[in-house]
């Protein structure tokens, strides 16, 4: 019989024989910042890409625990919430113990204690709430990137409403503003309109990593035109179905993405906060998008992070743009309580 020592030596030899070569980027699939971050990581380091939404973050990360070939992991533009942050630290700590290099790059509001725990686990962190994730990726790895990467980062900053931030603004100055705006818009419409087509989203990552402008990618402008038509139709639907409470406007979206409608809800409601939500039948939840006006003084991402957790969901984001996942049977209770807490601020 093999002794425990012999078994340990054999296991060590087996682990040594498996060469760690895999580079992987796990990034946000729902907007240009996540797609663009993945593109710049691909350009700088090569490797593979996995795109997920916020509910898909933890299943994706946990699935990597048994990947013995994983060498380097980059996680981009995937903010944490109270219901997953502890598990996130635990899984990344385990990956570090397995000698996987882990880098977390993000710009969403995060608990400082979580940052300390990640740093203790020797996870490399780039975190700045004042710049979008792609700008941070560019800034960290620009020596490994082409000149075109500045344009990819500029488009991401525009679509995340962060082109007026110090680094984002400096990048935007390189380009004709209208050229950058239309490129960022076309890219966004193609991403939002292909959320059910993950292969196309990965194709966009590949094209951007190869220094392609959005107008050089086949059919992007034609598809964007279709999306513009759908949004124009959305205006009439919002006017018809929009409801208001004292501090916010809200609406359930039936046949489009909540993120595409929420700005109309905000603007047409005349309130400082707009809320749009769409049922995810396959998950038994509502995906909620929230926007605040320039006059809104509340950090919405921070408030929604705490509030969503109280209703058995998750959420968070920026001061004036955030989202949440709320169990189906609690959506109206969530909206009402959200309205009440806005009243207290």
C-alpha atoms as a PDB file:
ATOM      1  CA  UNK A   1       0.000   0.000   0.000  1.00  0.00           C
ATOM      2  CA  UNK A   2       1.095   3.562  -0.735  1.00  0.00           C
ATOM      3  CA  UNK A   3       1.837   5.653   2.335  1.00  0.00           C
ATOM      4  CA  UNK A   4       0.370   9.124   2.806  1.00  0.00           C
ATOM      5  CA  UNK A   5       3.824  10.566   2.099  1.00  0.00           C
ATOM      6  CA  UNK A   6       4.122   8.628  -1.154  1.00  0.00           C
ATOM      7  CA  UNK A   7       0.677   9.790  -2.236  1.00  0.00           C
ATOM      8  CA  UNK A   8       1.560  13.407  -1.453  1.00  0.00           C
ATOM      9  CA  UNK A   9       4.769  13.173  -3.496  1.00  0.00           C
ATOM     10  CA  UNK A  10       2.842  11.643  -6.411  1.00  0.00           C
ATOM     11  CA  UNK A  11       0.217  14.389  -6.266  1.00  0.00           C
ATOM     12  CA  UNK A  12       2.943  17.035  -6.222  1.00  0.00           C
ATOM     13  CA  UNK A  13       4.628  15.510  -9.269  1.00  0.00           C
ATOM     14  CA  UNK A  14       1.296  15.399 -11.093  1.00  0.00           C
ATOM     15  CA  UNK A  15       0.601  19.044 -10.297  1.00  0.00           C
ATOM     16  CA  UNK A  16       4.073  19.996 -11.502  1.00  0.00           C
ATOM     17  CA  UNK A  17       3.543  18.068 -14.729  1.00  0.00           C
ATOM     18  CA  UNK A  18       0.446  20.132 -15.560  1.00  0.00           C
ATOM     19  CA  UNK A  19       1.867  23.301 -17.027  1.00  0.00           C
ATOM     20  CA  UNK A  20      -0.139  26.426 -16.293  1.00  0.00           C
ATOM     21  CA  UNK A  21      -0.460  28.289 -19.606  1.00  0.00           C
ATOM     22  CA  UNK A  22      -4.041  29.548 -19.781  1.00  0.00           C
ATOM     23  CA  UNK A  23      -4.771  33.290 -19.752  1.00  0.00           C
ATOM     24  CA  UNK A  24      -8.390  34.228 -19.209  1.00  0.00           C
ATOM     25  CA  UNK A  25     -10.386  37.450 -19.030  1.00  0.00           C
ATOM     26  CA  UNK A  26     -13.769  37.414 -17.314  1.00  0.00           C
ATOM     27  CA  UNK A  27     -15.642  40.595 -18.203  1.00  0.00           C
ATOM     28  CA  UNK A  28     -19.046  42.270 -18.245  1.00  0.00           C
ATOM     29  CA  UNK A  29     -21.145  41.455 -21.304  1.00  0.00           C
ATOM     30  CA  UNK A  30     -23.859  44.106 -21.131  1.00  0.00           C
ATOM     31  CA  UNK A  31     -22.094  47.313 -22.107  1.00  0.00           C
ATOM     32  CA  UNK A  32     -19.184  48.788 -24.041  1.00  0.00           C
ATOM     33  CA  UNK A  33     -17.000  49.165 -20.944  1.00  0.00           C
ATOM     34  CA  UNK A  34     -17.010  45.423 -20.270  1.00  0.00           C
ATOM     35  CA  UNK A  35     -16.574  44.455 -23.933  1.00  0.00           C
ATOM     36  CA  UNK A  36     -13.820  47.046 -24.454  1.00  0.00           C
ATOM     37  CA  UNK A  37     -11.992  46.001 -21.284  1.00  0.00           C
ATOM     38  CA  UNK A  38     -11.953  42.422 -22.535  1.00  0.00           C
ATOM     39  CA  UNK A  39     -10.665  43.601 -25.921  1.00  0.00           C
ATOM     40  CA  UNK A  40      -7.706  45.462 -24.396  1.00  0.00           C
ATOM     41  CA  UNK A  41      -6.829  42.539 -22.111  1.00  0.00           C
ATOM     42  CA  UNK A  42      -6.911  40.265 -25.165  1.00  0.00           C
ATOM     43  CA  UNK A  43      -4.665  42.636 -27.104  1.00  0.00           C
ATOM     44  CA  UNK A  44      -2.186  42.945 -24.243  1.00  0.00           C
ATOM     45  CA  UNK A  45      -2.045  39.329 -23.056  1.00  0.00           C
ATOM     46  CA  UNK A  46      -3.875  37.121 -25.557  1.00  0.00           C
ATOM     47  CA  UNK A  47      -5.822  34.234 -24.089  1.00  0.00           C
ATOM     48  CA  UNK A  48      -9.539  33.537 -23.908  1.00  0.00           C
ATOM     49  CA  UNK A  49     -12.553  35.612 -22.912  1.00  0.00           C
ATOM     50  CA  UNK A  50     -15.662  34.752 -20.907  1.00  0.00           C
ATOM     51  CA  UNK A  51     -18.455  37.342 -20.904  1.00  0.00           C
ATOM     52  CA  UNK A  52     -21.083  37.319 -18.154  1.00  0.00           C
ATOM     53  CA  UNK A  53     -23.760  39.525 -16.621  1.00  0.00           C
ATOM     54  CA  UNK A  54     -23.724  40.343 -12.909  1.00  0.00           C
ATOM     55  CA  UNK A  55     -25.737  37.261 -11.812  1.00  0.00           C
ATOM     56  CA  UNK A  56     -23.315  35.127 -13.813  1.00  0.00           C
ATOM     57  CA  UNK A  57     -20.181  36.407 -12.061  1.00  0.00           C
ATOM     58  CA  UNK A  58     -19.965  33.922  -9.206  1.00  0.00           C
ATOM     59  CA  UNK A  59     -20.891  30.771 -11.186  1.00  0.00           C
ATOM     60  CA  UNK A  60     -18.222  31.716 -13.734  1.00  0.00           C
ATOM     61  CA  UNK A  61     -15.538  32.387 -11.113  1.00  0.00           C
ATOM     62  CA  UNK A  62     -16.327  29.226  -9.167  1.00  0.00           C
ATOM     63  CA  UNK A  63     -16.129  27.138 -12.348  1.00  0.00           C
ATOM     64  CA  UNK A  64     -12.449  28.084 -12.619  1.00  0.00           C
ATOM     65  CA  UNK A  65     -11.430  26.452  -9.347  1.00  0.00           C
ATOM     66  CA  UNK A  66     -10.772  23.117 -11.046  1.00  0.00           C
ATOM     67  CA  UNK A  67      -9.034  24.528 -14.112  1.00  0.00           C
ATOM     68  CA  UNK A  68      -5.521  23.213 -13.513  1.00  0.00           C
ATOM     69  CA  UNK A  69      -4.099  24.988 -16.587  1.00  0.00           C
ATOM     70  CA  UNK A  70      -5.255  28.461 -15.531  1.00  0.00           C
ATOM     71  CA  UNK A  71      -2.229  30.732 -15.159  1.00  0.00           C
ATOM     72  CA  UNK A  72      -3.589  34.288 -15.229  1.00  0.00           C
ATOM     73  CA  UNK A  73      -7.099  35.608 -14.596  1.00  0.00           C
ATOM     74  CA  UNK A  74      -8.289  39.152 -15.290  1.00  0.00           C
ATOM     75  CA  UNK A  75     -11.732  40.178 -13.988  1.00  0.00           C
ATOM     76  CA  UNK A  76     -13.067  43.407 -15.494  1.00  0.00           C
ATOM     77  CA  UNK A  77     -16.058  45.702 -14.950  1.00  0.00           C
ATOM     78  CA  UNK A  78     -17.939  43.266 -12.726  1.00  0.00           C
ATOM     79  CA  UNK A  79     -18.972  45.068  -9.560  1.00  0.00           C
ATOM     80  CA  UNK A  80     -19.633  43.267  -6.297  1.00  0.00           C
ATOM     81  CA  UNK A  81     -22.696  43.262  -4.066  1.00  0.00           C
ATOM     82  CA  UNK A  82     -23.272  42.445  -0.407  1.00  0.00           C
ATOM     83  CA  UNK A  83     -24.617  38.995  -1.259  1.00  0.00           C
ATOM     84  CA  UNK A  84     -21.560  37.867  -3.233  1.00  0.00           C
ATOM     85  CA  UNK A  85     -18.538  39.864  -2.052  1.00  0.00           C
ATOM     86  CA  UNK A  86     -17.477  37.452   0.706  1.00  0.00           C
ATOM     87  CA  UNK A  87     -17.703  34.434  -1.581  1.00  0.00           C
ATOM     88  CA  UNK A  88     -15.816  36.370  -4.263  1.00  0.00           C
ATOM     89  CA  UNK A  89     -12.913  36.962  -1.853  1.00  0.00           C
ATOM     90  CA  UNK A  90     -12.980  33.316  -0.811  1.00  0.00           C
ATOM     91  CA  UNK A  91     -12.824  31.976  -4.371  1.00  0.00           C
ATOM     92  CA  UNK A  92     -10.103  34.386  -5.480  1.00  0.00           C
ATOM     93  CA  UNK A  93      -8.076  33.539  -2.372  1.00  0.00           C
ATOM     94  CA  UNK A  94      -8.319  29.857  -3.292  1.00  0.00           C
ATOM     95  CA  UNK A  95      -7.171  30.594  -6.841  1.00  0.00           C
ATOM     96  CA  UNK A  96      -4.169  32.482  -5.472  1.00  0.00           C
ATOM     97  CA  UNK A  97      -3.271  29.494  -3.301  1.00  0.00           C
ATOM     98  CA  UNK A  98      -3.318  27.459  -6.513  1.00  0.00           C
ATOM     99  CA  UNK A  99      -0.683  29.849  -7.891  1.00  0.00           C
ATOM    100  CA  UNK A 100      -3.068  31.594 -10.288  1.00  0.00           C
ATOM    101  CA  UNK A 101      -2.234  35.246 -10.936  1.00  0.00           C
ATOM    102  CA  UNK A 102      -5.447  37.232 -10.364  1.00  0.00           C
ATOM    103  CA  UNK A 103      -6.093  40.859 -11.362  1.00  0.00           C
ATOM    104  CA  UNK A 104      -9.355  42.658 -10.567  1.00  0.00           C
ATOM    105  CA  UNK A 105     -10.090  45.882 -12.458  1.00  0.00           C
ATOM    106  CA  UNK A 106     -13.294  47.776 -11.724  1.00  0.00           C
ATOM    107  CA  UNK A 107     -14.853  51.176 -11.047  1.00  0.00           C
ATOM    108  CA  UNK A 108     -18.013  50.356  -9.110  1.00  0.00           C
ATOM    109  CA  UNK A 109     -18.443  51.261  -5.460  1.00  0.00           C
ATOM    110  CA  UNK A 110     -16.847  48.595  -3.260  1.00  0.00           C
ATOM    111  CA  UNK A 111     -16.541  48.003   0.475  1.00  0.00           C
ATOM    112  CA  UNK A 112     -13.017  49.112   1.550  1.00  0.00           C
ATOM    113  CA  UNK A 113     -12.779  46.050   3.785  1.00  0.00           C
ATOM    114  CA  UNK A 114     -13.243  43.814   0.739  1.00  0.00           C
ATOM    115  CA  UNK A 115     -10.393  45.632  -1.001  1.00  0.00           C
ATOM    116  CA  UNK A 116      -8.140  44.977   2.009  1.00  0.00           C
ATOM    117  CA  UNK A 117      -9.027  41.291   2.032  1.00  0.00           C
ATOM    118  CA  UNK A 118      -8.325  40.953  -1.683  1.00  0.00           C
ATOM    119  CA  UNK A 119      -4.978  42.711  -1.287  1.00  0.00           C
ATOM    120  CA  UNK A 120      -4.132  40.406   1.631  1.00  0.00           C
ATOM    121  CA  UNK A 121      -4.772  37.452  -0.688  1.00  0.00           C
ATOM    122  CA  UNK A 122      -2.327  39.092  -3.124  1.00  0.00           C
ATOM    123  CA  UNK A 123      -4.955  39.829  -5.751  1.00  0.00           C
ATOM    124  CA  UNK A 124      -3.752  42.719  -7.904  1.00  0.00           C
ATOM    125  CA  UNK A 125      -6.374  45.477  -7.836  1.00  0.00           C
ATOM    126  CA  UNK A 126      -6.981  48.503 -10.016  1.00  0.00           C
ATOM    127  CA  UNK A 127      -9.990  50.328  -8.606  1.00  0.00           C
ATOM    128  CA  UNK A 128     -10.977  53.918  -9.291  1.00  0.00           C
ATOM    129  CA  UNK A 129     -14.607  55.054  -9.122  1.00  0.00           C
ATOM    130  CA  UNK A 130     -13.668  58.164 -11.122  1.00  0.00           C
ATOM    131  CA  UNK A 131     -12.665  56.380 -14.347  1.00  0.00           C
ATOM    132  CA  UNK A 132     -14.357  53.634 -16.352  1.00  0.00           C
ATOM    133  CA  UNK A 133     -12.799  50.184 -16.293  1.00  0.00           C
ATOM    134  CA  UNK A 134     -11.425  50.276 -19.853  1.00  0.00           C
ATOM    135  CA  UNK A 135      -9.577  53.538 -19.174  1.00  0.00           C
ATOM    136  CA  UNK A 136      -8.014  51.859 -16.144  1.00  0.00           C
ATOM    137  CA  UNK A 137      -7.038  48.829 -18.239  1.00  0.00           C
ATOM    138  CA  UNK A 138      -5.471  51.137 -20.816  1.00  0.00           C
ATOM    139  CA  UNK A 139      -3.631  53.137 -18.168  1.00  0.00           C
ATOM    140  CA  UNK A 140      -2.247  50.009 -16.511  1.00  0.00           C
ATOM    141  CA  UNK A 141      -1.084  48.230 -19.653  1.00  0.00           C
ATOM    142  CA  UNK A 142      -0.571  50.935 -22.300  1.00  0.00           C
ATOM    143  CA  UNK A 143       3.010  49.830 -22.904  1.00  0.00           C
ATOM    144  CA  UNK A 144       1.610  46.539 -24.200  1.00  0.00           C
ATOM    145  CA  UNK A 145      -1.154  48.150 -26.287  1.00  0.00           C
ATOM    146  CA  UNK A 146      -1.383  49.739 -29.723  1.00  0.00           C
ATOM    147  CA  UNK A 147      -2.216  53.381 -30.344  1.00  0.00           C
ATOM    148  CA  UNK A 148      -5.739  52.293 -31.317  1.00  0.00           C
ATOM    149  CA  UNK A 149      -6.403  51.212 -27.729  1.00  0.00           C
ATOM    150  CA  UNK A 150      -6.860  54.886 -26.833  1.00  0.00           C
ATOM    151  CA  UNK A 151      -9.905  54.987 -29.096  1.00  0.00           C
ATOM    152  CA  UNK A 152     -11.404  51.824 -27.587  1.00  0.00           C
ATOM    153  CA  UNK A 153     -10.970  53.332 -24.114  1.00  0.00           C
ATOM    154  CA  UNK A 154     -12.468  56.637 -25.268  1.00  0.00           C
ATOM    155  CA  UNK A 155     -15.626  54.915 -26.555  1.00  0.00           C
ATOM    156  CA  UNK A 156     -15.994  53.034 -23.266  1.00  0.00           C
ATOM    157  CA  UNK A 157     -15.670  56.264 -21.277  1.00  0.00           C
ATOM    158  CA  UNK A 158     -18.367  57.913 -23.408  1.00  0.00           C
ATOM    159  CA  UNK A 159     -20.863  55.076 -23.031  1.00  0.00           C
ATOM    160  CA  UNK A 160     -20.300  54.964 -19.260  1.00  0.00           C
ATOM    161  CA  UNK A 161     -20.850  58.762 -19.017  1.00  0.00           C
ATOM    162  CA  UNK A 162     -17.281  59.183 -17.786  1.00  0.00           C
ATOM    163  CA  UNK A 163     -15.661  61.043 -20.672  1.00  0.00           C
ATOM    164  CA  UNK A 164     -15.442  64.144 -18.468  1.00  0.00           C
ATOM    165  CA  UNK A 165     -13.197  62.450 -15.903  1.00  0.00           C
ATOM    166  CA  UNK A 166      -9.483  63.371 -15.879  1.00  0.00           C
ATOM    167  CA  UNK A 167      -8.047  60.419 -17.822  1.00  0.00           C
ATOM    168  CA  UNK A 168     -11.128  59.879 -19.972  1.00  0.00           C
ATOM    169  CA  UNK A 169     -11.227  63.549 -20.972  1.00  0.00           C
ATOM    170  CA  UNK A 170      -7.560  63.480 -21.939  1.00  0.00           C
ATOM    171  CA  UNK A 171      -8.170  60.514 -24.232  1.00  0.00           C
ATOM    172  CA  UNK A 172     -11.227  62.130 -25.820  1.00  0.00           C
ATOM    173  CA  UNK A 173      -9.119  65.153 -26.769  1.00  0.00           C
ATOM    174  CA  UNK A 174      -7.162  62.952 -29.163  1.00  0.00           C
ATOM    175  CA  UNK A 175     -10.190  62.465 -31.422  1.00  0.00           C
ATOM    176  CA  UNK A 176     -12.852  64.434 -33.218  1.00  0.00           C
ATOM    177  CA  UNK A 177     -15.654  64.466 -30.665  1.00  0.00           C
ATOM    178  CA  UNK A 178     -18.473  63.635 -33.090  1.00  0.00           C
ATOM    179  CA  UNK A 179     -16.518  60.742 -34.593  1.00  0.00           C
ATOM    180  CA  UNK A 180     -15.955  59.303 -31.130  1.00  0.00           C
ATOM    181  CA  UNK A 181     -19.591  59.830 -30.103  1.00  0.00           C
ATOM    182  CA  UNK A 182     -21.091  58.095 -33.126  1.00  0.00           C
ATOM    183  CA  UNK A 183     -18.613  55.230 -32.871  1.00  0.00           C
ATOM    184  CA  UNK A 184     -19.363  54.721 -29.182  1.00  0.00           C
ATOM    185  CA  UNK A 185     -23.113  54.832 -29.855  1.00  0.00           C
ATOM    186  CA  UNK A 186     -22.968  52.310 -32.688  1.00  0.00           C
ATOM    187  CA  UNK A 187     -20.845  49.997 -30.557  1.00  0.00           C
ATOM    188  CA  UNK A 188     -23.303  50.256 -27.667  1.00  0.00           C
ATOM    189  CA  UNK A 189     -26.357  49.533 -29.815  1.00  0.00           C
ATOM    190  CA  UNK A 190     -24.679  46.450 -31.253  1.00  0.00           C
ATOM    191  CA  UNK A 191     -23.791  45.180 -27.779  1.00  0.00           C
ATOM    192  CA  UNK A 192     -27.228  45.803 -26.281  1.00  0.00           C
ATOM    193  CA  UNK A 193     -28.970  44.319 -29.310  1.00  0.00           C
ATOM    194  CA  UNK A 194     -26.916  41.112 -29.249  1.00  0.00           C
ATOM    195  CA  UNK A 195     -27.239  40.131 -25.579  1.00  0.00           C
ATOM    196  CA  UNK A 196     -28.753  36.803 -26.595  1.00  0.00           C
ATOM    197  CA  UNK A 197     -25.926  36.136 -29.043  1.00  0.00           C
ATOM    198  CA  UNK A 198     -22.755  35.538 -26.979  1.00  0.00           C
ATOM    199  CA  UNK A 199     -20.760  34.466 -30.018  1.00  0.00           C
ATOM    200  CA  UNK A 200     -21.314  37.870 -31.610  1.00  0.00           C
ATOM    201  CA  UNK A 201     -20.208  39.640 -28.422  1.00  0.00           C
ATOM    202  CA  UNK A 202     -16.992  37.602 -28.433  1.00  0.00           C
ATOM    203  CA  UNK A 203     -16.589  38.542 -32.096  1.00  0.00           C
ATOM    204  CA  UNK A 204     -16.760  42.212 -31.100  1.00  0.00           C
ATOM    205  CA  UNK A 205     -14.062  41.623 -28.479  1.00  0.00           C
ATOM    206  CA  UNK A 206     -11.873  40.045 -31.153  1.00  0.00           C
ATOM    207  CA  UNK A 207     -12.455  42.826 -33.678  1.00  0.00           C
ATOM    208  CA  UNK A 208     -11.728  45.603 -31.179  1.00  0.00           C
ATOM    209  CA  UNK A 209      -8.585  43.804 -30.014  1.00  0.00           C
ATOM    210  CA  UNK A 210      -7.417  43.813 -33.629  1.00  0.00           C
ATOM    211  CA  UNK A 211      -7.700  47.619 -33.826  1.00  0.00           C
ATOM    212  CA  UNK A 212     -10.946  47.717 -35.806  1.00  0.00           C
ATOM    213  CA  UNK A 213     -13.169  50.797 -35.592  1.00  0.00           C
ATOM    214  CA  UNK A 214     -16.892  50.073 -35.139  1.00  0.00           C
ATOM    215  CA  UNK A 215     -17.621  51.262 -38.691  1.00  0.00           C
ATOM    216  CA  UNK A 216     -15.125  48.693 -40.026  1.00  0.00           C
ATOM    217  CA  UNK A 217     -17.026  45.784 -38.468  1.00  0.00           C
ATOM    218  CA  UNK A 218     -19.582  44.478 -40.979  1.00  0.00           C
ATOM    219  CA  UNK A 219     -23.220  45.590 -40.574  1.00  0.00           C
ATOM    220  CA  UNK A 220     -22.734  47.518 -37.321  1.00  0.00           C
ATOM    221  CA  UNK A 221     -24.266  50.747 -38.604  1.00  0.00           C
ATOM    222  CA  UNK A 222     -27.183  48.903 -40.202  1.00  0.00           C
ATOM    223  CA  UNK A 223     -27.902  47.058 -36.963  1.00  0.00           C
ATOM    224  CA  UNK A 224     -27.587  50.277 -34.954  1.00  0.00           C
ATOM    225  CA  UNK A 225     -30.210  51.855 -37.212  1.00  0.00           C
ATOM    226  CA  UNK A 226     -32.613  49.040 -36.340  1.00  0.00           C
ATOM    227  CA  UNK A 227     -31.968  49.610 -32.631  1.00  0.00           C
ATOM    228  CA  UNK A 228     -32.581  53.338 -32.997  1.00  0.00           C
ATOM    229  CA  UNK A 229     -35.984  52.553 -34.498  1.00  0.00           C
ATOM    230  CA  UNK A 230     -36.845  50.323 -31.563  1.00  0.00           C
ATOM    231  CA  UNK A 231     -35.833  53.025 -29.100  1.00  0.00           C
ATOM    232  CA  UNK A 232     -37.988  55.569 -30.900  1.00  0.00           C
ATOM    233  CA  UNK A 233     -40.950  53.219 -30.449  1.00  0.00           C
ATOM    234  CA  UNK A 234     -40.012  52.880 -26.783  1.00  0.00           C
ATOM    235  CA  UNK A 235     -40.616  56.592 -26.155  1.00  0.00           C
ATOM    236  CA  UNK A 236     -44.325  56.228 -26.928  1.00  0.00           C
ATOM    237  CA  UNK A 237     -44.575  53.123 -24.729  1.00  0.00           C
ATOM    238  CA  UNK A 238     -42.927  54.899 -21.798  1.00  0.00           C
ATOM    239  CA  UNK A 239     -45.266  57.871 -22.154  1.00  0.00           C
ATOM    240  CA  UNK A 240     -48.244  55.495 -22.036  1.00  0.00           C
ATOM    241  CA  UNK A 241     -47.189  53.171 -19.208  1.00  0.00           C
ATOM    242  CA  UNK A 242     -44.913  55.253 -16.979  1.00  0.00           C
ATOM    243  CA  UNK A 243     -45.926  55.517 -13.310  1.00  0.00           C
ATOM    244  CA  UNK A 244     -44.591  57.831 -10.656  1.00  0.00           C
ATOM    245  CA  UNK A 245     -44.119  57.985  -6.916  1.00  0.00           C
ATOM    246  CA  UNK A 246     -43.014  61.010  -4.941  1.00  0.00           C
ATOM    247  CA  UNK A 247     -39.314  60.602  -5.660  1.00  0.00           C
ATOM    248  CA  UNK A 248     -39.077  58.396  -8.726  1.00  0.00           C
ATOM    249  CA  UNK A 249     -40.595  57.278 -12.001  1.00  0.00           C
ATOM    250  CA  UNK A 250     -40.872  53.552 -12.692  1.00  0.00           C
ATOM    251  CA  UNK A 251     -42.020  51.127 -15.357  1.00  0.00           C
ATOM    252  CA  UNK A 252     -41.965  47.439 -16.205  1.00  0.00           C
ATOM    253  CA  UNK A 253     -40.435  46.806 -19.623  1.00  0.00           C
ATOM    254  CA  UNK A 254     -42.001  43.994 -21.627  1.00  0.00           C
ATOM    255  CA  UNK A 255     -40.284  43.781 -25.006  1.00  0.00           C
ATOM    256  CA  UNK A 256     -36.865  45.446 -24.703  1.00  0.00           C
ATOM    257  CA  UNK A 257     -33.981  45.760 -22.285  1.00  0.00           C
ATOM    258  CA  UNK A 258     -34.530  47.783 -19.124  1.00  0.00           C
ATOM    259  CA  UNK A 259     -31.221  49.595 -19.607  1.00  0.00           C
ATOM    260  CA  UNK A 260     -32.381  50.912 -22.971  1.00  0.00           C
ATOM    261  CA  UNK A 261     -35.591  52.365 -21.540  1.00  0.00           C
ATOM    262  CA  UNK A 262     -34.533  53.695 -18.157  1.00  0.00           C
ATOM    263  CA  UNK A 263     -33.230  57.044 -19.431  1.00  0.00           C
ATOM    264  CA  UNK A 264     -36.619  57.691 -21.048  1.00  0.00           C
ATOM    265  CA  UNK A 265     -38.316  56.803 -17.749  1.00  0.00           C
ATOM    266  CA  UNK A 266     -36.047  59.243 -15.935  1.00  0.00           C
ATOM    267  CA  UNK A 267     -36.529  62.066 -18.406  1.00  0.00           C
ATOM    268  CA  UNK A 268     -40.255  61.723 -19.003  1.00  0.00           C
ATOM    269  CA  UNK A 269     -41.122  61.239 -15.328  1.00  0.00           C
ATOM    270  CA  UNK A 270     -39.725  64.611 -14.284  1.00  0.00           C
ATOM    271  CA  UNK A 271     -38.302  62.942 -11.165  1.00  0.00           C
ATOM    272  CA  UNK A 272     -34.711  62.785  -9.976  1.00  0.00           C
ATOM    273  CA  UNK A 273     -34.613  58.977 -10.257  1.00  0.00           C
ATOM    274  CA  UNK A 274     -35.871  56.610 -12.955  1.00  0.00           C
ATOM    275  CA  UNK A 275     -36.404  52.852 -12.477  1.00  0.00           C
ATOM    276  CA  UNK A 276     -37.041  50.334 -15.267  1.00  0.00           C
ATOM    277  CA  UNK A 277     -37.328  46.608 -14.707  1.00  0.00           C
ATOM    278  CA  UNK A 278     -37.741  43.564 -16.919  1.00  0.00           C
ATOM    279  CA  UNK A 279     -38.633  40.026 -15.875  1.00  0.00           C
ATOM    280  CA  UNK A 280     -36.041  37.308 -16.413  1.00  0.00           C
ATOM    281  CA  UNK A 281     -38.470  34.403 -16.643  1.00  0.00           C
ATOM    282  CA  UNK A 282     -35.676  31.824 -16.714  1.00  0.00           C
ATOM    283  CA  UNK A 283     -34.328  33.023 -13.352  1.00  0.00           C
ATOM    284  CA  UNK A 284     -37.510  34.094 -11.539  1.00  0.00           C
ATOM    285  CA  UNK A 285     -36.167  37.601 -11.016  1.00  0.00           C
ATOM    286  CA  UNK A 286     -36.446  41.126 -12.315  1.00  0.00           C
ATOM    287  CA  UNK A 287     -33.404  42.840 -13.828  1.00  0.00           C
ATOM    288  CA  UNK A 288     -33.608  46.454 -12.665  1.00  0.00           C
ATOM    289  CA  UNK A 289     -31.904  49.499 -14.202  1.00  0.00           C
ATOM    290  CA  UNK A 290     -31.742  52.774 -12.264  1.00  0.00           C
ATOM    291  CA  UNK A 291     -30.630  56.242 -13.335  1.00  0.00           C
ATOM    292  CA  UNK A 292     -30.366  59.533 -11.471  1.00  0.00           C
ATOM    293  CA  UNK A 293     -30.511  63.061 -12.818  1.00  0.00           C
ATOM    294  CA  UNK A 294     -27.630  65.505 -12.425  1.00  0.00           C
ATOM    295  CA  UNK A 295     -29.480  67.085  -9.506  1.00  0.00           C
ATOM    296  CA  UNK A 296     -29.757  63.768  -7.631  1.00  0.00           C
ATOM    297  CA  UNK A 297     -27.575  63.996  -4.512  1.00  0.00           C
ATOM    298  CA  UNK A 298     -27.854  60.351  -3.433  1.00  0.00           C
ATOM    299  CA  UNK A 299     -25.179  57.764  -4.308  1.00  0.00           C
ATOM    300  CA  UNK A 300     -27.659  55.386  -5.932  1.00  0.00           C
ATOM    301  CA  UNK A 301     -25.262  52.474  -6.325  1.00  0.00           C
ATOM    302  CA  UNK A 302     -24.440  52.433  -2.620  1.00  0.00           C
ATOM    303  CA  UNK A 303     -28.089  52.696  -1.590  1.00  0.00           C
ATOM    304  CA  UNK A 304     -29.244  50.000  -4.002  1.00  0.00           C
ATOM    305  CA  UNK A 305     -26.476  47.628  -2.915  1.00  0.00           C
ATOM    306  CA  UNK A 306     -27.801  47.609   0.656  1.00  0.00           C
ATOM    307  CA  UNK A 307     -31.477  47.722  -0.273  1.00  0.00           C
ATOM    308  CA  UNK A 308     -31.346  44.894  -2.813  1.00  0.00           C
ATOM    309  CA  UNK A 309     -29.675  42.610  -0.277  1.00  0.00           C
ATOM    310  CA  UNK A 310     -32.554  43.219   2.159  1.00  0.00           C
ATOM    311  CA  UNK A 311     -34.970  41.890  -0.468  1.00  0.00           C
ATOM    312  CA  UNK A 312     -32.937  38.781  -1.231  1.00  0.00           C
ATOM    313  CA  UNK A 313     -31.352  40.230  -4.344  1.00  0.00           C
ATOM    314  CA  UNK A 314     -28.180  42.011  -5.307  1.00  0.00           C
ATOM    315  CA  UNK A 315     -27.269  45.373  -6.755  1.00  0.00           C
ATOM    316  CA  UNK A 316     -24.937  48.318  -6.896  1.00  0.00           C
ATOM    317  CA  UNK A 317     -23.032  50.537  -9.282  1.00  0.00           C
ATOM    318  CA  UNK A 318     -22.246  54.201  -9.750  1.00  0.00           C
ATOM    319  CA  UNK A 319     -23.617  57.273  -8.055  1.00  0.00           C
ATOM    320  CA  UNK A 320     -26.135  58.036 -10.823  1.00  0.00           C
ATOM    321  CA  UNK A 321     -26.285  54.754 -12.762  1.00  0.00           C
ATOM    322  CA  UNK A 322     -26.741  51.357 -11.194  1.00  0.00           C
ATOM    323  CA  UNK A 323     -28.700  48.137 -11.372  1.00  0.00           C
ATOM    324  CA  UNK A 324     -30.150  45.339  -9.298  1.00  0.00           C
ATOM    325  CA  UNK A 325     -31.509  41.827  -9.435  1.00  0.00           C
ATOM    326  CA  UNK A 326     -34.678  41.408  -7.356  1.00  0.00           C
ATOM    327  CA  UNK A 327     -36.811  38.280  -6.768  1.00  0.00           C
ATOM    328  CA  UNK A 328     -39.969  38.431  -8.870  1.00  0.00           C
ATOM    329  CA  UNK A 329     -42.448  38.561  -5.999  1.00  0.00           C
ATOM    330  CA  UNK A 330     -40.626  41.429  -4.261  1.00  0.00           C
ATOM    331  CA  UNK A 331     -40.201  43.927  -7.071  1.00  0.00           C
ATOM    332  CA  UNK A 332     -42.941  46.377  -6.037  1.00  0.00           C
ATOM    333  CA  UNK A 333     -41.945  46.204  -2.380  1.00  0.00           C
ATOM    334  CA  UNK A 334     -38.415  47.051  -3.504  1.00  0.00           C
ATOM    335  CA  UNK A 335     -39.572  50.039  -5.592  1.00  0.00           C
ATOM    336  CA  UNK A 336     -41.740  51.382  -2.768  1.00  0.00           C
ATOM    337  CA  UNK A 337     -38.973  51.085  -0.197  1.00  0.00           C
ATOM    338  CA  UNK A 338     -36.505  52.664  -2.614  1.00  0.00           C
ATOM    339  CA  UNK A 339     -38.852  55.615  -3.029  1.00  0.00           C
ATOM    340  CA  UNK A 340     -39.222  55.890   0.760  1.00  0.00           C
ATOM    341  CA  UNK A 341     -35.471  55.953   1.365  1.00  0.00           C
ATOM    342  CA  UNK A 342     -34.923  58.566  -1.306  1.00  0.00           C
ATOM    343  CA  UNK A 343     -37.374  60.697   0.642  1.00  0.00           C
ATOM    344  CA  UNK A 344     -35.186  60.410   3.732  1.00  0.00           C
ATOM    345  CA  UNK A 345     -32.096  61.798   2.034  1.00  0.00           C
END
